[in-house]
């Protein structure tokens, strides 16, 4: 049996990133199901996802549209966190 050095921090990071990716996937699936039930009408808000803003502003006028958030914003966050998770797992192994 090999003795591995203490890697509690990396294991914690893997678990944390896994939870974040899983949470983002659940949010995206819930939003997609909501908009599918509403015939892809992005004018209504699902109140499931996050508020996403254009740029650094946090004013209500700079909110992204529901369509942009569901079709581009959340999937890109899922991709980014998944790539980060995959790289941390690859480094750990």
PDB file of N, CA and C in Angstrom:
ATOM      1  N   UNK A   1       0.822  -1.175   0.000  1.00  0.00           N
ATOM      2  CA  UNK A   1       0.000   0.000   0.000  1.00  0.00           C
ATOM      3  C   UNK A   1       0.872   1.246   0.000  1.00  0.00           C
ATOM      4  N   UNK A   2       0.499   2.222  -0.796  1.00  0.00           N
ATOM      5  CA  UNK A   2       1.239   3.479  -0.850  1.00  0.00           C
ATOM      6  C   UNK A   2       0.738   4.415   0.241  1.00  0.00           C
ATOM      7  N   UNK A   3       1.645   5.160   0.794  1.00  0.00           N
ATOM      8  CA  UNK A   3       1.272   6.221   1.723  1.00  0.00           C
ATOM      9  C   UNK A   3       1.228   7.534   0.970  1.00  0.00           C
ATOM     10  N   UNK A   4       0.062   8.139   0.935  1.00  0.00           N
ATOM     11  CA  UNK A   4      -0.100   9.405   0.246  1.00  0.00           C
ATOM     12  C   UNK A   4       0.068  10.543   1.245  1.00  0.00           C
ATOM     13  N   UNK A   5       0.627  11.662   0.791  1.00  0.00           N
ATOM     14  CA  UNK A   5       0.735  12.815   1.692  1.00  0.00           C
ATOM     15  C   UNK A   5      -0.651  13.358   2.022  1.00  0.00           C
ATOM     16  N   UNK A   6      -0.744  14.054   3.127  1.00  0.00           N
ATOM     17  CA  UNK A   6      -2.030  14.630   3.537  1.00  0.00           C
ATOM     18  C   UNK A   6      -2.536  15.564   2.446  1.00  0.00           C
ATOM     19  N   UNK A   7      -3.725  15.316   2.004  1.00  0.00           N
ATOM     20  CA  UNK A   7      -4.292  16.127   0.918  1.00  0.00           C
ATOM     21  C   UNK A   7      -5.719  16.523   1.255  1.00  0.00           C
ATOM     22  N   UNK A   8      -5.963  16.829   2.517  1.00  0.00           N
ATOM     23  CA  UNK A   8      -7.317  17.181   2.933  1.00  0.00           C
ATOM     24  C   UNK A   8      -7.831  18.431   2.218  1.00  0.00           C
ATOM     25  N   UNK A   9      -6.963  19.387   1.954  1.00  0.00           N
ATOM     26  CA  UNK A   9      -7.379  20.621   1.290  1.00  0.00           C
ATOM     27  C   UNK A   9      -7.831  20.376  -0.132  1.00  0.00           C
ATOM     28  N   UNK A  10      -7.129  19.507  -0.837  1.00  0.00           N
ATOM     29  CA  UNK A  10      -7.496  19.218  -2.225  1.00  0.00           C
ATOM     30  C   UNK A  10      -8.795  18.421  -2.261  1.00  0.00           C
ATOM     31  N   UNK A  11      -8.955  17.488  -1.342  1.00  0.00           N
ATOM     32  CA  UNK A  11     -10.196  16.717  -1.292  1.00  0.00           C
ATOM     33  C   UNK A  11     -11.365  17.638  -0.976  1.00  0.00           C
ATOM     34  N   UNK A  12     -11.176  18.579  -0.054  1.00  0.00           N
ATOM     35  CA  UNK A  12     -12.227  19.547   0.253  1.00  0.00           C
ATOM     36  C   UNK A  12     -12.564  20.383  -0.973  1.00  0.00           C
ATOM     37  N   UNK A  13     -11.550  20.805  -1.734  1.00  0.00           N
ATOM     38  CA  UNK A  13     -11.787  21.601  -2.942  1.00  0.00           C
ATOM     39  C   UNK A  13     -12.556  20.792  -3.981  1.00  0.00           C
ATOM     40  N   UNK A  14     -12.230  19.519  -4.115  1.00  0.00           N
ATOM     41  CA  UNK A  14     -12.941  18.663  -5.069  1.00  0.00           C
ATOM     42  C   UNK A  14     -14.403  18.520  -4.666  1.00  0.00           C
ATOM     43  N   UNK A  15     -14.646  18.303  -3.379  1.00  0.00           N
ATOM     44  CA  UNK A  15     -16.026  18.171  -2.906  1.00  0.00           C
ATOM     45  C   UNK A  15     -16.786  19.481  -3.100  1.00  0.00           C
ATOM     46  N   UNK A  16     -16.159  20.601  -2.756  1.00  0.00           N
ATOM     47  CA  UNK A  16     -16.807  21.902  -2.897  1.00  0.00           C
ATOM     48  C   UNK A  16     -17.126  22.209  -4.355  1.00  0.00           C
ATOM     49  N   UNK A  17     -16.173  21.988  -5.249  1.00  0.00           N
ATOM     50  CA  UNK A  17     -16.421  22.237  -6.669  1.00  0.00           C
ATOM     51  C   UNK A  17     -17.487  21.290  -7.210  1.00  0.00           C
ATOM     52  N   UNK A  18     -17.495  20.057  -6.739  1.00  0.00           N
ATOM     53  CA  UNK A  18     -18.527  19.108  -7.161  1.00  0.00           C
ATOM     54  C   UNK A  18     -19.914  19.559  -6.744  1.00  0.00           C
ATOM     55  N   UNK A  19     -20.032  20.086  -5.533  1.00  0.00           N
ATOM     56  CA  UNK A  19     -21.319  20.591  -5.047  1.00  0.00           C
ATOM     57  C   UNK A  19     -21.755  21.804  -5.871  1.00  0.00           C
ATOM     58  N   UNK A  20     -20.818  22.683  -6.193  1.00  0.00           N
ATOM     59  CA  UNK A  20     -21.148  23.871  -6.995  1.00  0.00           C
ATOM     60  C   UNK A  20     -21.640  23.459  -8.382  1.00  0.00           C
ATOM     61  N   UNK A  21     -20.939  22.529  -9.020  1.00  0.00           N
ATOM     62  CA  UNK A  21     -21.346  22.066 -10.358  1.00  0.00           C
ATOM     63  C   UNK A  21     -22.713  21.395 -10.291  1.00  0.00           C
ATOM     64  N   UNK A  22     -22.931  20.567  -9.284  1.00  0.00           N
ATOM     65  CA  UNK A  22     -24.217  19.903  -9.137  1.00  0.00           C
ATOM     66  C   UNK A  22     -25.336  20.908  -8.910  1.00  0.00           C
ATOM     67  N   UNK A  23     -25.098  21.914  -8.064  1.00  0.00           N
ATOM     68  CA  UNK A  23     -26.091  22.949  -7.817  1.00  0.00           C
ATOM     69  C   UNK A  23     -26.427  23.713  -9.094  1.00  0.00           C
ATOM     70  N   UNK A  24     -25.395  24.089  -9.862  1.00  0.00           N
ATOM     71  CA  UNK A  24     -25.637  24.816 -11.113  1.00  0.00           C
ATOM     72  C   UNK A  24     -26.403  23.958 -12.113  1.00  0.00           C
ATOM     73  N   UNK A  25     -26.120  22.659 -12.166  1.00  0.00           N
ATOM     74  CA  UNK A  25     -26.853  21.768 -13.062  1.00  0.00           C
ATOM     75  C   UNK A  25     -28.325  21.677 -12.664  1.00  0.00           C
ATOM     76  N   UNK A  26     -28.593  21.576 -11.369  1.00  0.00           N
ATOM     77  CA  UNK A  26     -29.985  21.504 -10.897  1.00  0.00           C
ATOM     78  C   UNK A  26     -30.724  22.793 -11.236  1.00  0.00           C
ATOM     79  N   UNK A  27     -30.089  23.942 -11.020  1.00  0.00           N
ATOM     80  CA  UNK A  27     -30.709  25.228 -11.340  1.00  0.00           C
ATOM     81  C   UNK A  27     -31.005  25.313 -12.836  1.00  0.00           C
ATOM     82  N   UNK A  28     -30.056  24.907 -13.661  1.00  0.00           N
ATOM     83  CA  UNK A  28     -30.253  24.977 -15.115  1.00  0.00           C
ATOM     84  C   UNK A  28     -31.377  24.049 -15.565  1.00  0.00           C
ATOM     85  N   UNK A  29     -31.424  22.848 -15.041  1.00  0.00           N
ATOM     86  CA  UNK A  29     -32.480  21.902 -15.421  1.00  0.00           C
ATOM     87  C   UNK A  29     -33.847  22.434 -14.988  1.00  0.00           C
ATOM     88  N   UNK A  30     -33.927  22.987 -13.773  1.00  0.00           N
ATOM     89  CA  UNK A  30     -35.205  23.546 -13.315  1.00  0.00           C
ATOM     90  C   UNK A  30     -35.656  24.704 -14.200  1.00  0.00           C
ATOM     91  N   UNK A  31     -34.716  25.549 -14.610  1.00  0.00           N
ATOM     92  CA  UNK A  31     -35.085  26.668 -15.482  1.00  0.00           C
ATOM     93  C   UNK A  31     -35.502  26.176 -16.862  1.00  0.00           C
ATOM     94  N   UNK A  32     -34.780  25.222 -17.413  1.00  0.00           N
ATOM     95  CA  UNK A  32     -35.155  24.691 -18.723  1.00  0.00           C
ATOM     96  C   UNK A  32     -36.539  24.048 -18.680  1.00  0.00           C
ATOM     97  N   UNK A  33     -36.830  23.315 -17.621  1.00  0.00           N
ATOM     98  CA  UNK A  33     -38.158  22.716 -17.496  1.00  0.00           C
ATOM     99  C   UNK A  33     -39.237  23.786 -17.361  1.00  0.00           C
ATOM    100  N   UNK A  34     -38.960  24.848 -16.614  1.00  0.00           N
ATOM    101  CA  UNK A  34     -39.920  25.945 -16.465  1.00  0.00           C
ATOM    102  C   UNK A  34     -40.224  26.578 -17.814  1.00  0.00           C
ATOM    103  N   UNK A  35     -39.188  26.902 -18.576  1.00  0.00           N
ATOM    104  CA  UNK A  35     -39.420  27.576 -19.854  1.00  0.00           C
ATOM    105  C   UNK A  35     -40.000  26.627 -20.898  1.00  0.00           C
ATOM    106  N   UNK A  36     -39.692  25.344 -20.799  1.00  0.00           N
ATOM    107  CA  UNK A  36     -40.314  24.387 -21.722  1.00  0.00           C
ATOM    108  C   UNK A  36     -41.815  24.300 -21.452  1.00  0.00           C
ATOM    109  N   UNK A  37     -42.200  24.271 -20.152  1.00  0.00           N
ATOM    110  CA  UNK A  37     -43.632  24.229 -19.809  1.00  0.00           C
ATOM    111  C   UNK A  37     -44.349  25.495 -20.263  1.00  0.00           C
ATOM    112  N   UNK A  38     -43.632  26.606 -20.361  1.00  0.00           N
ATOM    113  CA  UNK A  38     -44.230  27.877 -20.784  1.00  0.00           C
ATOM    114  C   UNK A  38     -43.968  28.174 -22.252  1.00  0.00           C
ATOM    115  N   UNK A  39     -43.767  27.131 -23.049  1.00  0.00           N
ATOM    116  CA  UNK A  39     -43.555  27.250 -24.501  1.00  0.00           C
ATOM    117  C   UNK A  39     -42.409  28.189 -24.849  1.00  0.00           C
ATOM    118  N   UNK A  40     -41.348  28.113 -24.083  1.00  0.00           N
ATOM    119  CA  UNK A  40     -40.117  28.879 -24.310  1.00  0.00           C
ATOM    120  C   UNK A  40     -40.368  30.377 -24.326  1.00  0.00           C
ATOM    121  N   UNK A  41     -41.311  30.830 -23.523  1.00  0.00           N
ATOM    122  CA  UNK A  41     -41.600  32.246 -23.378  1.00  0.00           C
ATOM    123  C   UNK A  41     -40.644  32.815 -22.322  1.00  0.00           C
ATOM    124  N   UNK A  42     -39.594  33.474 -22.772  1.00  0.00           N
ATOM    125  CA  UNK A  42     -38.590  34.007 -21.861  1.00  0.00           C
ATOM    126  C   UNK A  42     -38.988  35.358 -21.270  1.00  0.00           C
ATOM    127  N   UNK A  43     -40.200  35.830 -21.560  1.00  0.00           N
ATOM    128  CA  UNK A  43     -40.666  37.087 -20.974  1.00  0.00           C
ATOM    129  C   UNK A  43     -41.049  36.914 -19.509  1.00  0.00           C
ATOM    130  N   UNK A  44     -41.430  35.706 -19.122  1.00  0.00           N
ATOM    131  CA  UNK A  44     -41.752  35.459 -17.716  1.00  0.00           C
ATOM    132  C   UNK A  44     -40.482  34.997 -16.992  1.00  0.00           C
ATOM    133  N   UNK A  45     -40.391  35.360 -15.724  1.00  0.00           N
ATOM    134  CA  UNK A  45     -39.202  35.017 -14.945  1.00  0.00           C
ATOM    135  C   UNK A  45     -39.475  33.760 -14.142  1.00  0.00           C
ATOM    136  N   UNK A  46     -38.532  32.836 -14.135  1.00  0.00           N
ATOM    137  CA  UNK A  46     -38.712  31.569 -13.426  1.00  0.00           C
ATOM    138  C   UNK A  46     -38.465  31.715 -11.929  1.00  0.00           C
ATOM    139  N   UNK A  47     -37.760  32.749 -11.515  1.00  0.00           N
ATOM    140  CA  UNK A  47     -37.373  32.968 -10.114  1.00  0.00           C
ATOM    141  C   UNK A  47     -36.591  31.791  -9.544  1.00  0.00           C
ATOM    142  N   UNK A  48     -35.903  31.057 -10.397  1.00  0.00           N
ATOM    143  CA  UNK A  48     -35.099  29.917  -9.968  1.00  0.00           C
ATOM    144  C   UNK A  48     -33.630  30.279  -9.997  1.00  0.00           C
ATOM    145  N   UNK A  49     -33.192  30.898 -11.063  1.00  0.00           N
ATOM    146  CA  UNK A  49     -31.770  31.156 -11.262  1.00  0.00           C
ATOM    147  C   UNK A  49     -31.285  32.412 -10.590  1.00  0.00           C
ATOM    148  N   UNK A  50     -30.051  32.712 -10.882  1.00  0.00           N
ATOM    149  CA  UNK A  50     -29.390  33.881 -10.331  1.00  0.00           C
ATOM    150  C   UNK A  50     -29.716  35.116 -11.154  1.00  0.00           C
ATOM    151  N   UNK A  51     -29.531  36.271 -10.545  1.00  0.00           N
ATOM    152  CA  UNK A  51     -29.576  37.508 -11.318  1.00  0.00           C
ATOM    153  C   UNK A  51     -28.200  37.689 -11.936  1.00  0.00           C
ATOM    154  N   UNK A  52     -28.162  37.928 -13.242  1.00  0.00           N
ATOM    155  CA  UNK A  52     -26.902  38.167 -13.933  1.00  0.00           C
ATOM    156  C   UNK A  52     -26.963  39.553 -14.550  1.00  0.00           C
ATOM    157  N   UNK A  53     -25.879  40.268 -14.411  1.00  0.00           N
ATOM    158  CA  UNK A  53     -25.807  41.650 -14.869  1.00  0.00           C
ATOM    159  C   UNK A  53     -24.834  41.761 -16.027  1.00  0.00           C
ATOM    160  N   UNK A  54     -25.091  42.752 -16.885  1.00  0.00           N
ATOM    161  CA  UNK A  54     -24.152  43.079 -17.958  1.00  0.00           C
ATOM    162  C   UNK A  54     -23.063  43.961 -17.371  1.00  0.00           C
ATOM    163  N   UNK A  55     -21.846  43.498 -17.369  1.00  0.00           N
ATOM    164  CA  UNK A  55     -20.745  44.300 -16.850  1.00  0.00           C
ATOM    165  C   UNK A  55     -20.705  44.305 -15.337  1.00  0.00           C
ATOM    166  N   UNK A  56     -20.136  45.364 -14.783  1.00  0.00           N
ATOM    167  CA  UNK A  56     -19.940  45.461 -13.343  1.00  0.00           C
ATOM    168  C   UNK A  56     -21.104  46.113 -12.617  1.00  0.00           C
ATOM    169  N   UNK A  57     -22.040  46.643 -13.333  1.00  0.00           N
ATOM    170  CA  UNK A  57     -23.151  47.363 -12.718  1.00  0.00           C
ATOM    171  C   UNK A  57     -24.097  46.392 -12.027  1.00  0.00           C
ATOM    172  N   UNK A  58     -24.724  46.845 -10.964  1.00  0.00           N
ATOM    173  CA  UNK A  58     -25.739  46.038 -10.285  1.00  0.00           C
ATOM    174  C   UNK A  58     -27.094  46.739 -10.277  1.00  0.00           C
ATOM    175  N   UNK A  59     -27.298  47.628 -11.223  1.00  0.00           N
ATOM    176  CA  UNK A  59     -28.597  48.298 -11.303  1.00  0.00           C
ATOM    177  C   UNK A  59     -29.573  47.407 -12.071  1.00  0.00           C
ATOM    178  N   UNK A  60     -30.849  47.572 -11.781  1.00  0.00           N
ATOM    179  CA  UNK A  60     -31.882  46.740 -12.397  1.00  0.00           C
ATOM    180  C   UNK A  60     -31.920  46.899 -13.921  1.00  0.00           C
ATOM    181  N   UNK A  61     -31.480  48.045 -14.431  1.00  0.00           N
ATOM    182  CA  UNK A  61     -31.481  48.272 -15.869  1.00  0.00           C
ATOM    183  C   UNK A  61     -30.427  47.473 -16.608  1.00  0.00           C
ATOM    184  N   UNK A  62     -29.434  46.965 -15.887  1.00  0.00           N
ATOM    185  CA  UNK A  62     -28.346  46.217 -16.512  1.00  0.00           C
ATOM    186  C   UNK A  62     -28.473  44.705 -16.346  1.00  0.00           C
ATOM    187  N   UNK A  63     -29.646  44.220 -15.939  1.00  0.00           N
ATOM    188  CA  UNK A  63     -29.857  42.777 -15.852  1.00  0.00           C
ATOM    189  C   UNK A  63     -29.849  42.164 -17.240  1.00  0.00           C
ATOM    190  N   UNK A  64     -29.273  40.972 -17.359  1.00  0.00           N
ATOM    191  CA  UNK A  64     -29.335  40.272 -18.642  1.00  0.00           C
ATOM    192  C   UNK A  64     -30.736  39.712 -18.826  1.00  0.00           C
ATOM    193  N   UNK A  65     -31.060  39.390 -20.039  1.00  0.00           N
ATOM    194  CA  UNK A  65     -32.389  38.837 -20.303  1.00  0.00           C
ATOM    195  C   UNK A  65     -32.450  37.399 -19.780  1.00  0.00           C
ATOM    196  N   UNK A  66     -33.658  36.915 -19.592  1.00  0.00           N
ATOM    197  CA  UNK A  66     -33.835  35.537 -19.130  1.00  0.00           C
ATOM    198  C   UNK A  66     -33.250  34.545 -20.131  1.00  0.00           C
ATOM    199  N   UNK A  67     -33.438  34.840 -21.405  1.00  0.00           N
ATOM    200  CA  UNK A  67     -32.921  33.953 -22.446  1.00  0.00           C
ATOM    201  C   UNK A  67     -31.397  33.887 -22.407  1.00  0.00           C
ATOM    202  N   UNK A  68     -30.741  35.014 -22.255  1.00  0.00           N
ATOM    203  CA  UNK A  68     -29.283  35.042 -22.193  1.00  0.00           C
ATOM    204  C   UNK A  68     -28.784  34.302 -20.966  1.00  0.00           C
ATOM    205  N   UNK A  69     -29.468  34.491 -19.844  1.00  0.00           N
ATOM    206  CA  UNK A  69     -29.064  33.821 -18.612  1.00  0.00           C
ATOM    207  C   UNK A  69     -29.191  32.310 -18.736  1.00  0.00           C
ATOM    208  N   UNK A  70     -30.319  31.837 -19.298  1.00  0.00           N
ATOM    209  CA  UNK A  70     -30.583  30.402 -19.368  1.00  0.00           C
ATOM    210  C   UNK A  70     -29.778  29.731 -20.473  1.00  0.00           C
ATOM    211  N   UNK A  71     -29.639  30.397 -21.616  1.00  0.00           N
ATOM    212  CA  UNK A  71     -28.985  29.765 -22.764  1.00  0.00           C
ATOM    213  C   UNK A  71     -27.470  29.939 -22.775  1.00  0.00           C
ATOM    214  N   UNK A  72     -26.958  30.987 -22.151  1.00  0.00           N
ATOM    215  CA  UNK A  72     -25.523  31.254 -22.224  1.00  0.00           C
ATOM    216  C   UNK A  72     -24.855  31.390 -20.856  1.00  0.00           C
ATOM    217  N   UNK A  73     -25.445  32.162 -19.946  1.00  0.00           N
ATOM    218  CA  UNK A  73     -24.791  32.481 -18.681  1.00  0.00           C
ATOM    219  C   UNK A  73     -24.553  31.278 -17.793  1.00  0.00           C
ATOM    220  N   UNK A  74     -25.623  30.587 -17.431  1.00  0.00           N
ATOM    221  CA  UNK A  74     -25.486  29.431 -16.540  1.00  0.00           C
ATOM    222  C   UNK A  74     -24.721  28.288 -17.193  1.00  0.00           C
ATOM    223  N   UNK A  75     -24.960  27.956 -18.470  1.00  0.00           N
ATOM    224  CA  UNK A  75     -24.140  26.900 -19.084  1.00  0.00           C
ATOM    225  C   UNK A  75     -22.642  27.234 -19.110  1.00  0.00           C
ATOM    226  N   UNK A  76     -22.298  28.505 -19.300  1.00  0.00           N
ATOM    227  CA  UNK A  76     -20.879  28.866 -19.273  1.00  0.00           C
ATOM    228  C   UNK A  76     -20.300  28.742 -17.871  1.00  0.00           C
ATOM    229  N   UNK A  77     -21.096  29.059 -16.855  1.00  0.00           N
ATOM    230  CA  UNK A  77     -20.624  28.863 -15.479  1.00  0.00           C
ATOM    231  C   UNK A  77     -20.446  27.376 -15.185  1.00  0.00           C
ATOM    232  N   UNK A  78     -21.364  26.541 -15.672  1.00  0.00           N
ATOM    233  CA  UNK A  78     -21.235  25.095 -15.485  1.00  0.00           C
ATOM    234  C   UNK A  78     -19.974  24.592 -16.167  1.00  0.00           C
ATOM    235  N   UNK A  79     -19.725  25.051 -17.385  1.00  0.00           N
ATOM    236  CA  UNK A  79     -18.527  24.645 -18.112  1.00  0.00           C
ATOM    237  C   UNK A  79     -17.261  25.075 -17.377  1.00  0.00           C
ATOM    238  N   UNK A  80     -17.228  26.312 -16.922  1.00  0.00           N
ATOM    239  CA  UNK A  80     -16.047  26.816 -16.229  1.00  0.00           C
ATOM    240  C   UNK A  80     -15.753  26.057 -14.945  1.00  0.00           C
ATOM    241  N   UNK A  81     -16.782  25.856 -14.115  1.00  0.00           N
ATOM    242  CA  UNK A  81     -16.574  25.124 -12.866  1.00  0.00           C
ATOM    243  C   UNK A  81     -16.271  23.652 -13.124  1.00  0.00           C
ATOM    244  N   UNK A  82     -16.844  23.076 -14.185  1.00  0.00           N
ATOM    245  CA  UNK A  82     -16.545  21.680 -14.520  1.00  0.00           C
ATOM    246  C   UNK A  82     -15.100  21.515 -14.968  1.00  0.00           C
ATOM    247  N   UNK A  83     -14.616  22.461 -15.762  1.00  0.00           N
ATOM    248  CA  UNK A  83     -13.209  22.403 -16.186  1.00  0.00           C
ATOM    249  C   UNK A  83     -12.273  22.570 -14.997  1.00  0.00           C
ATOM    250  N   UNK A  84     -12.625  23.465 -14.088  1.00  0.00           N
ATOM    251  CA  UNK A  84     -11.826  23.642 -12.883  1.00  0.00           C
ATOM    252  C   UNK A  84     -11.843  22.374 -12.034  1.00  0.00           C
ATOM    253  N   UNK A  85     -13.006  21.772 -11.882  1.00  0.00           N
ATOM    254  CA  UNK A  85     -13.118  20.526 -11.124  1.00  0.00           C
ATOM    255  C   UNK A  85     -12.301  19.417 -11.779  1.00  0.00           C
ATOM    256  N   UNK A  86     -12.398  19.292 -13.091  1.00  0.00           N
ATOM    257  CA  UNK A  86     -11.653  18.253 -13.801  1.00  0.00           C
ATOM    258  C   UNK A  86     -10.136  18.454 -13.660  1.00  0.00           C
ATOM    259  N   UNK A  87      -9.696  19.698 -13.717  1.00  0.00           N
ATOM    260  CA  UNK A  87      -8.250  19.947 -13.582  1.00  0.00           C
ATOM    261  C   UNK A  87      -7.773  19.658 -12.169  1.00  0.00           C
ATOM    262  N   UNK A  88      -8.557  20.003 -11.146  1.00  0.00           N
ATOM    263  CA  UNK A  88      -8.162  19.706  -9.771  1.00  0.00           C
ATOM    264  C   UNK A  88      -8.136  18.194  -9.534  1.00  0.00           C
ATOM    265  N   UNK A  89      -9.107  17.492 -10.073  1.00  0.00           N
ATOM    266  CA  UNK A  89      -9.124  16.032  -9.934  1.00  0.00           C
ATOM    267  C   UNK A  89      -7.931  15.422 -10.663  1.00  0.00           C
ATOM    268  N   UNK A  90      -7.619  15.915 -11.861  1.00  0.00           N
ATOM    269  CA  UNK A  90      -6.475  15.386 -12.615  1.00  0.00           C
ATOM    270  C   UNK A  90      -5.168  15.646 -11.882  1.00  0.00           C
ATOM    271  N   UNK A  91      -5.032  16.800 -11.265  1.00  0.00           N
ATOM    272  CA  UNK A  91      -3.818  17.097 -10.508  1.00  0.00           C
ATOM    273  C   UNK A  91      -3.728  16.203  -9.278  1.00  0.00           C
ATOM    274  N   UNK A  92      -4.863  15.965  -8.639  1.00  0.00           N
ATOM    275  CA  UNK A  92      -4.880  15.144  -7.423  1.00  0.00           C
ATOM    276  C   UNK A  92      -4.534  13.692  -7.718  1.00  0.00           C
ATOM    277  N   UNK A  93      -4.965  13.199  -8.870  1.00  0.00           N
ATOM    278  CA  UNK A  93      -4.691  11.803  -9.215  1.00  0.00           C
ATOM    279  C   UNK A  93      -3.273  11.701  -9.713  1.00  0.00           C
TER     280      UNK A  93
END
